[in-house]
Amino acid sequence: MRGLLVAGVMIGLPGVARAEDVAVAAGVAEVLTEPGHEHVGVYPYAAVGVVFPAGPWFVIPSLGVEYSPEVGRWGLFGAVTLDVPVSRRVGVDFIGTLSHDQPGAHWDEAELAVGAGLGLSIATQYAVLAPSLCVYRAVAKNEWSLVPGLNAAHAF
């Protein structure tokens, strides 16, 4: 199962973000087949998003690009994260994604996948670090993948 997809997770600063803060993020995720947990590829990524306060929570839609040099695949993704603060510096994240992944410039071989997962956002003085675990299902195939990741984001 090659090249299933990676989610970008954008995390706002719990309890600190203002209305409509722009955020940038970079991260890395490993794609594993499911079942079996066999390594597919490591995908570094970059994304931009907007942090919207929604009562005590934050909604963070984002768009990004990912690329795996080891398998020569890349793609675009959209994610929506609901960040639920549990303290001033820590939040629990509920993540939904739609991802595109393809080899090189071969748009005719592009795959789409939907994903969902959980994360933890930990605010530091300069950025938010966010480990996450998502599950993806390829839209056109009955293939699943498990994607642990680590994200660093900064809201302006």
Protein backbone atom coordinates (compact mmCIF):
# COMPACT_ATOMS: atom_id res chain seq x y z
CA MET A 1 0.00 0.00 0.00
CA ARG A 2 2.14 2.87 -1.31
CA GLY A 3 1.73 6.51 -0.80
CA LEU A 4 -1.39 6.77 1.26
CA LEU A 5 -1.80 10.15 2.64
CA VAL A 6 -0.63 12.50 5.31
CA ALA A 7 -2.59 15.01 7.31
CA GLY A 8 -1.37 18.38 8.31
CA VAL A 9 -2.45 19.32 11.75
CA MET A 10 -2.72 23.01 12.50
CA ILE A 11 -2.84 23.80 16.19
CA GLY A 12 -3.78 27.15 17.76
CA LEU A 13 -2.40 28.44 21.03
CA PRO A 14 -4.98 27.31 23.62
CA GLY A 15 -6.34 30.27 25.53
CA VAL A 16 -4.06 32.72 23.68
CA ALA A 17 -5.26 32.93 20.05
CA ARG A 18 -7.31 35.89 18.87
CA ALA A 19 -10.10 35.83 16.32
CA GLU A 20 -8.84 34.76 12.92
CA ASP A 21 -5.15 34.36 13.68
CA VAL A 22 -3.15 33.07 10.72
CA ALA A 23 -0.96 30.08 11.57
CA VAL A 24 1.88 28.34 9.77
CA ALA A 25 2.99 24.80 10.48
CA ALA A 26 5.61 22.26 9.53
CA GLY A 27 5.72 18.64 10.49
CA VAL A 28 6.47 15.08 9.62
CA ALA A 29 4.29 12.00 9.49
CA GLU A 30 4.95 8.34 8.88
CA VAL A 31 2.45 6.36 6.85
CA LEU A 32 1.95 2.73 7.91
CA THR A 33 -0.27 0.11 6.27
CA GLU A 34 -3.20 -1.16 8.22
CA PRO A 35 -3.36 -3.98 9.13
CA GLY A 36 0.28 -4.91 9.63
CA HIS A 37 1.85 -1.52 10.40
CA GLU A 38 4.34 -1.84 7.51
CA HIS A 39 6.27 1.34 6.68
CA VAL A 40 5.07 3.09 3.51
CA GLY A 41 6.91 6.41 3.70
CA VAL A 42 7.83 9.45 5.74
CA TYR A 43 6.20 12.70 4.61
CA PRO A 44 7.50 16.11 5.72
CA TYR A 45 4.84 18.80 5.20
CA ALA A 46 4.07 22.51 5.45
CA ALA A 47 0.68 24.15 5.89
CA VAL A 48 -1.10 27.42 6.55
CA GLY A 49 -4.36 27.82 8.45
CA VAL A 50 -6.64 30.18 10.31
CA VAL A 51 -7.43 29.87 14.02
CA PHE A 52 -11.07 30.69 14.86
CA PRO A 53 -12.19 30.83 18.50
CA ALA A 54 -15.51 29.01 18.95
CA GLY A 55 -16.51 29.61 22.55
CA PRO A 56 -13.95 27.83 24.73
CA TRP A 57 -12.63 25.84 21.73
CA PHE A 58 -10.69 26.63 18.57
CA VAL A 59 -11.54 25.56 15.01
CA ILE A 60 -8.51 25.50 12.71
CA PRO A 61 -9.06 24.87 8.97
CA SER A 62 -5.78 24.47 7.07
CA LEU A 63 -4.29 23.73 3.65
CA GLY A 64 -0.90 22.21 3.01
CA VAL A 65 1.49 20.26 0.85
CA GLU A 66 3.40 17.08 1.69
CA TYR A 67 6.25 15.23 -0.04
CA SER A 68 8.00 11.94 0.59
CA PRO A 69 11.48 11.86 -0.99
CA GLU A 70 11.88 8.16 -0.23
CA VAL A 71 8.84 7.12 -2.31
CA GLY A 72 8.72 10.09 -4.73
CA ARG A 73 5.10 10.96 -3.92
CA TRP A 74 3.57 14.28 -3.00
CA GLY A 75 0.17 15.80 -2.49
CA LEU A 76 -2.09 18.49 -1.16
CA PHE A 77 -4.30 18.23 1.91
CA GLY A 78 -7.00 20.06 3.75
CA ALA A 79 -7.60 19.56 7.45
CA VAL A 80 -9.97 20.84 10.09
CA THR A 81 -8.89 20.58 13.71
CA LEU A 82 -11.09 21.16 16.74
CA ASP A 83 -8.78 22.08 19.61
CA VAL A 84 -10.32 21.63 23.06
CA PRO A 85 -8.15 23.28 25.73
CA VAL A 86 -7.74 21.28 28.93
CA SER A 87 -5.40 23.88 30.44
CA ARG A 88 -3.79 27.13 29.32
CA ARG A 89 -0.97 25.23 27.60
CA VAL A 90 -2.48 21.85 26.65
CA GLY A 91 -5.34 20.93 24.33
CA VAL A 92 -6.91 17.77 22.93
CA ASP A 93 -7.34 17.85 19.15
CA PHE A 94 -9.99 16.19 17.00
CA ILE A 95 -8.75 16.07 13.40
CA GLY A 96 -10.53 15.54 10.07
CA THR A 97 -8.67 15.53 6.74
CA LEU A 98 -9.00 15.12 3.00
CA SER A 99 -5.73 14.30 1.23
CA HIS A 100 -4.42 13.91 -2.30
CA ASP A 101 -1.25 11.94 -3.09
CA GLN A 102 0.46 11.10 -6.39
CA PRO A 103 3.78 10.04 -7.89
CA GLY A 104 5.64 12.98 -9.46
CA ALA A 105 3.57 14.81 -12.08
CA HIS A 106 1.26 11.83 -12.73
CA TRP A 107 -2.10 13.44 -11.92
CA ASP A 108 -3.82 10.42 -13.51
CA GLU A 109 -2.41 8.26 -10.68
CA ALA A 110 -3.54 10.55 -7.87
CA GLU A 111 -5.20 8.94 -4.86
CA LEU A 112 -7.63 10.58 -2.47
CA ALA A 113 -8.13 9.61 1.16
CA VAL A 114 -10.20 10.80 4.09
CA GLY A 115 -8.82 10.69 7.59
CA ALA A 116 -9.71 11.25 11.21
CA GLY A 117 -7.66 11.23 14.35
CA LEU A 118 -6.67 12.60 17.70
CA GLY A 119 -3.81 14.78 18.83
CA LEU A 120 -2.42 16.65 21.76
CA SER A 121 -1.35 20.30 21.46
CA ILE A 122 1.30 21.59 23.82
CA ALA A 123 1.88 25.36 23.73
CA THR A 124 5.40 26.67 24.29
CA GLN A 125 6.53 30.29 24.30
CA TYR A 126 7.03 30.35 20.50
CA ALA A 127 5.10 27.48 18.97
CA VAL A 128 2.65 24.69 19.57
CA LEU A 129 4.00 21.13 19.37
CA ALA A 130 1.41 18.55 18.48
CA PRO A 131 1.84 14.79 18.28
CA SER A 132 -1.10 13.09 16.57
CA LEU A 133 -2.39 9.75 15.35
CA CYS A 134 -4.77 9.57 12.38
CA VAL A 135 -6.42 6.76 10.44
CA TYR A 136 -6.97 7.13 6.68
CA ARG A 137 -9.11 5.31 4.16
CA ALA A 138 -8.39 5.55 0.44
CA VAL A 139 -11.52 6.78 -1.34
CA ALA A 140 -11.24 4.55 -4.44
CA LYS A 141 -9.79 1.50 -2.68
CA ASN A 142 -10.46 -0.49 0.44
CA GLU A 143 -7.05 0.41 1.88
CA TRP A 144 -6.38 1.84 5.31
CA SER A 145 -3.34 3.49 6.81
CA LEU A 146 -2.24 4.58 10.24
CA VAL A 147 -0.36 7.90 10.40
CA PRO A 148 1.51 9.05 13.51
CA GLY A 149 2.84 12.57 13.17
CA LEU A 150 4.51 15.48 14.88
CA ASN A 151 3.60 19.07 14.05
CA ALA A 152 4.98 22.45 15.06
CA ALA A 153 2.78 25.51 14.47
CA HIS A 154 2.97 29.22 15.13
CA ALA A 155 0.01 31.61 15.15
CA PHE A 156 0.51 35.28 14.22
